[in-house]
Amino acid sequence: MRTEVLGVGIGDILKFEATALTRVKVKVPDGTRAGDWVNFSLRDNKLVALTDEQDGYALVQPHNCIIDLRYCAKPENITDILQQGDRFGIQYIGAPVEHERHTVMPSGPVIPPKEAERPVAPPPSPPSALKRSLNFFGDSTNARIGGQAVSVAAAENLPVVNNAQGGSLAAYALMSMNGSPVEVTFKVDTIPAKANGVMVDGELVYGEGVTPFSMHSTVVIIGDDIEAVMTGQTANIKVIPRDSQAHSVVPGKKYPVRLKNSGGVDGICVLATAKNDINGANIGNWQTVLERIKGYVEKCIQQVQPKESPRYIVLTVWADNKPGWAKENHPYRHQLKDQFNNWLKSKYGNNVFDIEQYILSDQIWTDSGLTPNEADKKAQTDGVMPLSLSQDGGAHLLPAVEAKVAERIIAKAKELRYL
């Protein structure tokens, strides 16, 4: 009687994941099969391929999941892999063996291997036991602090996901948390394969209540699986393919767009946004901007999981030591910043890390080991960033100071009993 060999599926290997949004498509050798160990550039050790190789790629899950090794080949460095997996919330169960493929009869049900041939595996641990990651969202404040947090958090085996983007508005922060509906339409019927100089025109369609924002070489996923780069200052954008194969599209059809670096709202979410919205405000619209950014922050926090007890930390905004923040010329900008910060602290209470207060305190000099000069002390009195703390003349902090802020954020997460 003829039998048919079936491959191992994602459900055989992946017993639990905190979110499918952190799955990653990686380059693999031809012929790679689900259950093989493949290279992942951000780790020293390999990860399990969840899918067979297709067009040179396979899926892996690098964060917060349970992997059943009964369907995986035995790696050479199993101890190292188990230790690194634990640091990133990956739990491995079962014993890796040369597994058999399930077989199916032409007219019968799937017949698994005999029970006696299966290695005994401990039951999966509950999802709550998985290690939580520290996930950064927002603008350059968090993009930079999140970068420093990677090394700071490594000492505590705490994974860090940095979805923040410099130069972005509060609307972008919401999009990175998968809460800002944006779609794209095309006039062509094909997104070509990636090649030098290849791009197509697209038009963004913003959802109701979404403030339009520009794309700065932003890596996105269009629809379910089209990876591309979007760039443009208006709704009319250029779409640069990143896939090795072409994709068919329907002209005029709206395709959902999400950021490739997005999701992770089920970790410990750290949000720092609205700075660029405040920078762009003027004397005639600052009160409108205030209500807009408050609305976006509320929507961002509403995305955080679990809904009944969301884990999040929100950062206040500081005043730059720049001409655009000169009180004699732009007093409204300080009013906007102050009212926003006061609203944050009133609404979110102990979930707020007051980075502005930290920058204006004596403690920051103690923590950083820097010595303030008279100009620095005056800047603190005036409520603007001291230049000795800044890398770029008053807008962003020195990397060493950002590392101290990252330490404070981790301490806040512990205070809130998230860790």
Protein backbone atom coordinates (compact mmCIF):
# COMPACT_ATOMS: atom_id res chain seq x y z
CA MET A 1 0.00 0.00 0.00
CA ARG A 2 1.40 3.40 -0.99
CA THR A 3 2.20 5.90 1.78
CA GLU A 4 2.79 9.62 1.50
CA VAL A 5 5.46 11.45 3.48
CA LEU A 6 4.40 14.69 5.15
CA GLY A 7 6.77 17.37 6.39
CA VAL A 8 7.05 18.80 9.87
CA GLY A 9 4.87 21.90 10.37
CA ILE A 10 5.24 25.00 12.50
CA GLY A 11 2.71 23.64 14.98
CA ASP A 12 4.84 20.54 15.56
CA ILE A 13 7.89 22.59 16.55
CA LEU A 14 6.44 25.83 17.95
CA LYS A 15 4.29 24.98 20.96
CA PHE A 16 3.83 28.57 22.17
CA GLU A 17 4.90 32.10 21.22
CA ALA A 18 4.16 35.40 22.93
CA THR A 19 3.49 37.01 19.54
CA ALA A 20 3.88 35.96 15.93
CA LEU A 21 5.01 39.51 15.14
CA THR A 22 8.55 38.73 16.33
CA ARG A 23 9.03 35.92 13.82
CA VAL A 24 11.91 36.67 11.45
CA LYS A 25 12.65 35.47 7.92
CA VAL A 26 16.34 34.51 7.62
CA LYS A 27 18.58 33.44 4.76
CA VAL A 28 19.16 29.67 4.79
CA PRO A 29 20.91 27.09 2.56
CA ASP A 30 18.95 25.43 -0.23
CA GLY A 31 17.10 22.35 1.00
CA THR A 32 16.80 23.49 4.61
CA ARG A 33 13.85 21.79 6.28
CA ALA A 34 11.72 22.69 9.29
CA GLY A 35 13.56 21.45 12.38
CA ASP A 36 17.04 22.19 11.03
CA TRP A 37 19.30 24.59 12.94
CA VAL A 38 20.03 27.80 11.01
CA ASN A 39 22.17 30.88 11.54
CA PHE A 40 20.64 34.02 13.04
CA SER A 41 22.94 37.04 12.64
CA LEU A 42 21.99 38.67 15.96
CA ARG A 43 22.89 35.60 18.07
CA ASP A 44 26.02 33.54 18.64
CA ASN A 45 24.07 30.29 18.42
CA LYS A 46 21.68 28.90 15.85
CA LEU A 47 17.87 28.85 15.96
CA VAL A 48 15.40 26.22 14.79
CA ALA A 49 13.89 26.72 11.33
CA LEU A 50 10.11 26.71 11.68
CA THR A 51 9.48 26.21 7.96
CA ASP A 52 11.11 24.52 5.00
CA GLU A 53 13.34 26.70 2.86
CA GLN A 54 11.46 28.70 0.26
CA ASP A 55 13.22 31.05 -2.14
CA GLY A 56 16.28 30.90 0.09
CA TYR A 57 14.51 31.85 3.34
CA ALA A 58 12.91 30.20 6.37
CA LEU A 59 11.12 31.50 9.45
CA VAL A 60 12.59 31.52 12.97
CA GLN A 61 11.21 32.77 16.30
CA PRO A 62 14.01 34.48 18.30
CA HIS A 63 11.94 35.60 21.31
CA ASN A 64 9.59 34.32 24.04
CA CYS A 65 8.47 30.92 22.78
CA ILE A 66 8.45 27.18 23.49
CA ILE A 67 10.26 24.93 20.98
CA ASP A 68 9.73 21.15 20.91
CA LEU A 69 13.11 19.57 20.14
CA ARG A 70 11.58 16.17 19.35
CA TYR A 71 11.20 17.38 15.79
CA CYS A 72 14.71 18.86 15.53
CA ALA A 73 18.10 17.45 14.70
CA LYS A 74 20.55 17.33 17.60
CA PRO A 75 22.95 20.33 17.46
CA GLU A 76 26.60 20.09 18.41
CA ASN A 77 26.44 22.81 21.08
CA ILE A 78 23.13 21.98 22.76
CA THR A 79 24.21 23.39 26.15
CA ASP A 80 25.15 26.79 24.71
CA ILE A 81 21.93 26.93 22.72
CA LEU A 82 19.81 26.16 25.78
CA GLN A 83 21.57 28.85 27.82
CA GLN A 84 21.23 31.52 25.13
CA GLY A 85 17.64 30.53 24.52
CA ASP A 86 16.86 31.09 28.17
CA ARG A 87 18.31 34.63 28.00
CA PHE A 88 15.89 35.52 25.21
CA GLY A 89 12.80 33.80 26.59
CA ILE A 90 13.09 30.68 24.42
CA GLN A 91 12.27 27.47 26.29
CA TYR A 92 13.25 24.16 24.73
CA ILE A 93 11.38 20.97 25.66
CA GLY A 94 11.86 17.37 24.64
CA ALA A 95 14.98 15.62 23.42
CA PRO A 96 16.44 16.35 19.97
CA VAL A 97 16.52 13.16 17.85
CA GLU A 98 16.54 12.12 14.25
CA HIS A 99 12.77 12.32 13.99
CA GLU A 100 10.50 10.25 11.77
CA ARG A 101 8.10 11.92 9.39
CA HIS A 102 4.39 11.39 9.95
CA THR A 103 2.84 9.14 7.35
CA VAL A 104 -0.67 9.10 5.97
CA MET A 105 -2.55 6.31 4.23
CA PRO A 106 -4.46 7.10 1.03
CA SER A 107 -7.80 6.62 2.78
CA GLY A 108 -6.88 6.84 6.46
CA PRO A 109 -5.95 9.36 9.13
CA VAL A 110 -2.47 10.59 9.96
CA ILE A 111 -0.51 7.89 11.78
CA PRO A 112 2.18 9.26 14.14
CA PRO A 113 5.25 7.28 15.24
CA LYS A 114 4.59 4.65 17.91
CA GLU A 115 4.41 5.98 21.44
CA ALA A 116 7.27 3.71 22.51
CA GLU A 117 9.55 5.35 19.95
CA ARG A 118 8.89 8.87 21.22
CA PRO A 119 11.30 10.36 23.75
CA VAL A 120 9.71 11.33 27.03
CA ALA A 121 9.47 15.13 27.30
CA PRO A 122 8.55 17.27 30.30
CA PRO A 123 5.28 19.22 29.99
CA PRO A 124 5.59 22.79 28.66
CA SER A 125 5.93 25.51 31.26
CA PRO A 126 3.06 28.01 31.38
CA PRO A 127 3.54 31.13 29.22
CA SER A 128 3.78 33.33 32.31
CA ALA A 129 7.13 31.71 33.13
CA LEU A 130 8.75 33.05 29.96
CA LYS A 131 11.22 35.87 30.27
CA ARG A 132 9.80 39.30 29.44
CA SER A 133 11.55 41.63 27.05
CA LEU A 134 12.05 45.38 27.37
CA ASN A 135 10.51 46.92 24.23
CA PHE A 136 11.23 50.53 23.22
CA PHE A 137 8.82 52.62 21.12
CA GLY A 138 8.86 56.25 20.01
CA ASP A 139 11.35 58.78 18.65
CA SER A 140 15.11 59.36 18.83
CA THR A 141 15.04 59.60 22.64
CA ASN A 142 14.07 55.94 22.88
CA ALA A 143 15.94 54.87 19.75
CA ARG A 144 19.14 55.96 21.47
CA ILE A 145 18.27 54.84 25.01
CA GLY A 146 17.03 51.52 23.64
CA GLY A 147 20.37 51.07 21.89
CA GLN A 148 22.21 51.57 25.18
CA ALA A 149 19.74 49.33 27.00
CA VAL A 150 20.84 46.31 24.94
CA SER A 151 24.21 46.14 26.71
CA VAL A 152 22.87 47.34 30.08
CA ALA A 153 20.11 44.70 30.09
CA ALA A 154 22.46 41.93 28.96
CA ALA A 155 23.95 41.87 32.47
CA GLU A 156 20.51 40.78 33.72
CA ASN A 157 19.79 38.40 30.81
CA LEU A 158 16.95 40.72 29.78
CA PRO A 159 16.09 40.79 26.04
CA VAL A 160 15.63 44.23 24.46
CA VAL A 161 13.53 45.04 21.38
CA ASN A 162 14.10 48.52 19.94
CA ASN A 163 11.26 49.63 17.65
CA ALA A 164 11.88 53.37 18.12
CA GLN A 165 12.78 55.58 15.15
CA GLY A 166 14.58 58.92 15.20
CA GLY A 167 12.67 61.86 13.73
CA SER A 168 9.29 60.20 14.14
CA LEU A 169 6.00 61.65 15.33
CA ALA A 170 3.60 60.21 17.88
CA ALA A 171 1.60 58.70 14.99
CA TYR A 172 4.65 56.60 14.08
CA ALA A 173 4.95 55.33 17.67
CA LEU A 174 1.37 54.10 17.45
CA MET A 175 2.07 52.46 14.09
CA SER A 176 5.07 50.64 15.60
CA MET A 177 2.67 49.25 18.21
CA ASN A 178 0.37 48.06 15.39
CA GLY A 179 -2.32 50.53 16.37
CA SER A 180 -2.14 53.13 13.59
CA PRO A 181 -3.98 51.97 10.47
CA VAL A 182 -2.12 52.85 7.27
CA GLU A 183 -2.67 51.30 3.85
CA VAL A 184 -1.00 51.64 0.47
CA THR A 185 -2.32 51.46 -3.10
CA PHE A 186 -0.47 50.91 -6.38
CA LYS A 187 -1.15 51.73 -10.03
CA VAL A 188 0.88 48.72 -11.18
CA ASP A 189 0.06 45.01 -10.93
CA THR A 190 3.48 43.77 -9.85
CA ILE A 191 6.01 44.57 -7.14
CA PRO A 192 9.23 43.43 -8.84
CA ALA A 193 12.05 41.51 -7.21
CA LYS A 194 14.76 43.55 -5.53
CA ALA A 195 17.47 44.96 -7.79
CA ASN A 196 19.60 48.07 -7.94
CA GLY A 197 17.51 51.12 -8.78
CA VAL A 198 14.20 49.19 -8.88
CA MET A 199 11.23 50.91 -7.25
CA VAL A 200 7.53 51.56 -7.84
CA ASP A 201 5.21 54.41 -6.92
CA GLY A 202 2.67 54.00 -4.15
CA GLU A 203 0.17 56.16 -2.29
CA LEU A 204 -0.43 55.95 1.44
CA VAL A 205 -3.98 55.96 2.75
CA TYR A 206 -4.13 56.94 6.42
CA GLY A 207 -6.82 55.56 8.68
CA GLU A 208 -9.42 57.69 10.38
CA GLY A 209 -7.86 60.10 12.86
CA VAL A 210 -4.29 59.23 11.85
CA THR A 211 -2.02 62.25 11.43
CA PRO A 212 -0.04 61.84 8.16
CA PHE A 213 3.67 61.34 8.66
CA SER A 214 6.61 60.93 6.31
CA MET A 215 8.54 57.74 5.62
CA HIS A 216 12.33 57.93 5.98
CA SER A 217 13.61 54.76 4.27
CA THR A 218 11.24 52.85 6.51
CA VAL A 219 11.26 49.04 6.31
CA VAL A 220 7.69 47.76 6.17
CA ILE A 221 5.62 44.65 5.49
CA ILE A 222 2.90 45.20 2.88
CA GLY A 223 -0.07 42.86 3.11
CA ASP A 224 0.97 39.55 4.62
CA ASP A 225 4.46 39.00 3.28
CA ILE A 226 5.80 41.72 0.96
CA GLU A 227 8.90 43.30 2.49
CA ALA A 228 9.89 46.70 1.16
CA VAL A 229 11.33 50.11 1.98
CA MET A 230 9.06 53.16 1.81
CA THR A 231 10.39 56.67 1.45
CA GLY A 232 8.66 60.00 0.88
CA GLN A 233 7.64 63.21 2.59
CA THR A 234 3.98 63.03 1.53
CA ALA A 235 1.39 60.34 0.88
CA ASN A 236 3.01 59.79 -2.53
CA ILE A 237 5.93 57.49 -1.82
CA LYS A 238 8.53 55.31 -3.48
CA VAL A 239 8.43 51.60 -2.67
CA ILE A 240 11.74 49.79 -2.95
CA PRO A 241 11.41 45.96 -2.99
CA ARG A 242 13.44 43.83 -0.55
CA ASP A 243 12.26 40.37 -1.58
CA SER A 244 14.10 38.16 -4.06
CA GLN A 245 10.87 37.28 -5.82
CA ALA A 246 8.22 39.45 -7.48
CA HIS A 247 4.72 39.83 -5.99
CA SER A 248 1.44 40.34 -7.84
CA VAL A 249 -0.81 43.15 -6.60
CA VAL A 250 -4.17 44.51 -7.68
CA PRO A 251 -4.05 48.11 -8.95
CA GLY A 252 -6.09 50.40 -6.70
CA LYS A 253 -6.55 47.81 -3.95
CA LYS A 254 -5.67 48.96 -0.43
CA TYR A 255 -3.00 46.83 1.23
CA PRO A 256 -2.35 47.12 4.98
CA VAL A 257 1.10 48.35 5.97
CA ARG A 258 2.93 47.60 9.20
CA LEU A 259 6.45 48.40 10.25
CA LYS A 260 8.84 45.48 10.10
CA ASN A 261 10.18 46.60 13.48
CA SER A 262 6.85 46.57 15.24
CA GLY A 263 4.83 44.67 17.79
CA GLY A 264 6.10 43.37 21.09
CA VAL A 265 3.30 45.07 23.00
CA ASP A 266 3.09 42.02 25.28
CA GLY A 267 6.51 42.76 26.79
CA ILE A 268 7.47 45.68 29.02
CA CYS A 269 6.68 48.65 26.77
CA VAL A 270 8.80 51.79 27.16
CA LEU A 271 7.30 54.78 25.33
CA ALA A 272 9.00 58.11 24.61
CA THR A 273 7.24 60.18 21.99
CA ALA A 274 5.75 63.61 21.11
CA LYS A 275 9.11 65.46 21.12
CA ASN A 276 9.06 66.03 17.36
CA ASP A 277 5.37 66.98 17.45
CA ILE A 278 6.28 69.63 20.04
CA ASN A 279 9.27 70.77 17.98
CA GLY A 280 6.97 71.30 15.01
CA ALA A 281 4.29 73.25 16.89
CA ASN A 282 3.84 77.02 16.54
CA ILE A 283 2.10 79.75 18.49
CA GLY A 284 -1.11 79.28 16.56
CA ASN A 285 -1.53 75.51 16.87
CA TRP A 286 0.26 74.36 20.02
CA GLN A 287 -2.95 73.68 21.95
CA THR A 288 -4.25 71.56 19.07
CA VAL A 289 -0.93 69.70 19.00
CA LEU A 290 -1.25 69.06 22.75
CA GLU A 291 -4.62 67.37 22.36
CA ARG A 292 -3.36 65.38 19.39
CA ILE A 293 -0.31 63.96 21.15
CA LYS A 294 -2.32 63.17 24.28
CA GLY A 295 -4.69 61.17 22.08
CA TYR A 296 -1.83 59.27 20.46
CA VAL A 297 -0.22 58.40 23.79
CA GLU A 298 -3.56 57.12 25.09
CA LYS A 299 -3.95 54.95 21.98
CA CYS A 300 -0.38 53.65 22.38
CA ILE A 301 -1.01 52.60 25.97
CA GLN A 302 -4.27 50.95 24.91
CA GLN A 303 -2.23 48.60 22.68
CA VAL A 304 -0.17 47.26 25.59
CA GLN A 305 -0.87 43.72 26.76
CA PRO A 306 -2.29 42.20 28.83
CA LYS A 307 -5.26 44.56 28.78
CA GLU A 308 -6.22 43.88 32.39
CA SER A 309 -2.73 44.69 33.70
CA PRO A 310 -0.61 46.32 30.96
CA ARG A 311 3.14 46.58 31.54
CA TYR A 312 4.44 49.98 30.43
CA ILE A 313 6.69 52.93 31.31
CA VAL A 314 6.17 56.39 29.77
CA LEU A 315 8.91 59.03 29.57
CA THR A 316 8.41 62.77 29.90
CA VAL A 317 9.84 65.28 27.40
CA TRP A 318 12.73 67.65 28.11
CA ALA A 319 13.46 71.09 26.64
CA ASP A 320 16.37 71.22 24.20
CA ASN A 321 19.13 73.75 24.69
CA LYS A 322 18.54 75.05 21.17
CA PRO A 323 17.33 78.33 19.59
CA GLY A 324 13.96 76.73 18.84
CA TRP A 325 13.43 76.40 22.58
CA ALA A 326 14.47 79.93 23.54
CA LYS A 327 11.84 81.07 26.04
CA GLU A 328 11.92 84.68 24.90
CA ASN A 329 10.99 83.65 21.35
CA HIS A 330 9.05 80.42 21.85
CA PRO A 331 7.33 80.49 25.25
CA TYR A 332 4.43 78.41 23.89
CA ARG A 333 6.78 75.45 23.31
CA HIS A 334 7.60 75.33 27.00
CA GLN A 335 3.91 75.68 27.85
CA LEU A 336 3.14 72.76 25.52
CA LYS A 337 5.91 70.63 27.00
CA ASP A 338 4.93 71.43 30.60
CA GLN A 339 1.24 70.75 30.06
CA PHE A 340 2.01 67.49 28.28
CA ASN A 341 4.37 66.31 31.03
CA ASN A 342 1.90 67.28 33.75
CA TRP A 343 -0.85 65.40 31.94
CA LEU A 344 1.37 62.31 31.64
CA LYS A 345 2.17 62.31 35.35
CA SER A 346 -1.45 62.92 36.32
CA LYS A 347 -2.85 60.21 34.05
CA TYR A 348 -0.21 57.49 34.34
CA GLY A 349 1.20 58.18 37.82
CA ASN A 350 3.89 55.75 38.91
CA ASN A 351 4.23 54.36 35.37
CA VAL A 352 5.98 57.60 34.35
CA PHE A 353 9.75 57.90 34.40
CA ASP A 354 10.39 61.64 34.64
CA ILE A 355 13.49 61.91 32.50
CA GLU A 356 13.18 65.71 32.44
CA GLN A 357 13.38 65.87 36.24
CA TYR A 358 16.36 63.49 36.17
CA ILE A 359 18.23 65.67 33.65
CA LEU A 360 17.59 68.77 35.77
CA SER A 361 18.67 67.11 39.05
CA ASP A 362 22.00 66.92 40.87
CA GLN A 363 21.72 63.13 40.80
CA ILE A 364 22.55 62.96 37.10
CA TRP A 365 26.00 64.44 37.74
CA THR A 366 26.65 61.85 40.44
CA ASP A 367 25.47 58.99 38.24
CA SER A 368 27.35 60.10 35.13
CA GLY A 369 30.56 61.14 36.90
CA LEU A 370 30.50 64.45 35.02
CA THR A 371 31.16 67.83 36.63
CA PRO A 372 28.74 70.65 35.80
CA ASN A 373 30.01 74.12 34.95
CA GLU A 374 28.21 77.36 35.67
CA ALA A 375 26.43 77.27 32.30
CA ASP A 376 25.15 73.77 33.09
CA LYS A 377 23.80 74.89 36.46
CA LYS A 378 22.05 77.85 34.82
CA ALA A 379 20.58 75.56 32.15
CA GLN A 380 19.13 73.34 34.86
CA THR A 381 17.67 76.40 36.60
CA ASP A 382 16.18 77.53 33.27
CA GLY A 383 14.73 74.07 32.67
CA VAL A 384 16.73 73.15 29.57
CA MET A 385 19.29 70.43 28.89
CA PRO A 386 22.80 71.17 30.23
CA LEU A 387 25.27 71.10 27.35
CA SER A 388 27.77 68.97 29.27
CA LEU A 389 25.23 66.13 29.16
CA SER A 390 24.60 66.47 25.43
CA GLN A 391 26.32 64.85 22.47
CA ASP A 392 25.05 67.27 19.85
CA GLY A 393 24.80 70.70 21.41
CA GLY A 394 21.62 70.41 23.42
CA ALA A 395 19.18 67.96 21.78
CA HIS A 396 20.37 64.44 22.65
CA LEU A 397 22.19 62.93 25.61
CA LEU A 398 25.71 61.52 25.64
CA PRO A 399 25.72 57.72 25.16
CA ALA A 400 27.16 57.24 28.67
CA VAL A 401 24.29 59.29 30.12
CA GLU A 402 21.76 57.35 28.04
CA ALA A 403 23.17 54.16 29.57
CA LYS A 404 22.44 55.60 33.03
CA VAL A 405 18.89 56.40 31.92
CA ALA A 406 18.54 52.80 30.70
CA GLU A 407 19.60 51.61 34.16
CA ARG A 408 16.92 53.85 35.70
CA ILE A 409 14.27 52.46 33.35
CA ILE A 410 15.17 48.87 34.28
CA ALA A 411 15.02 49.90 37.96
CA LYS A 412 11.56 51.39 37.31
CA ALA A 413 10.46 48.09 35.71
CA LYS A 414 11.57 46.29 38.87
CA GLU A 415 9.81 48.86 41.06
CA LEU A 416 6.62 48.17 39.12
CA ARG A 417 7.23 44.42 39.65
CA TYR A 418 7.42 43.73 35.93
CA LEU A 419 10.70 41.88 36.49
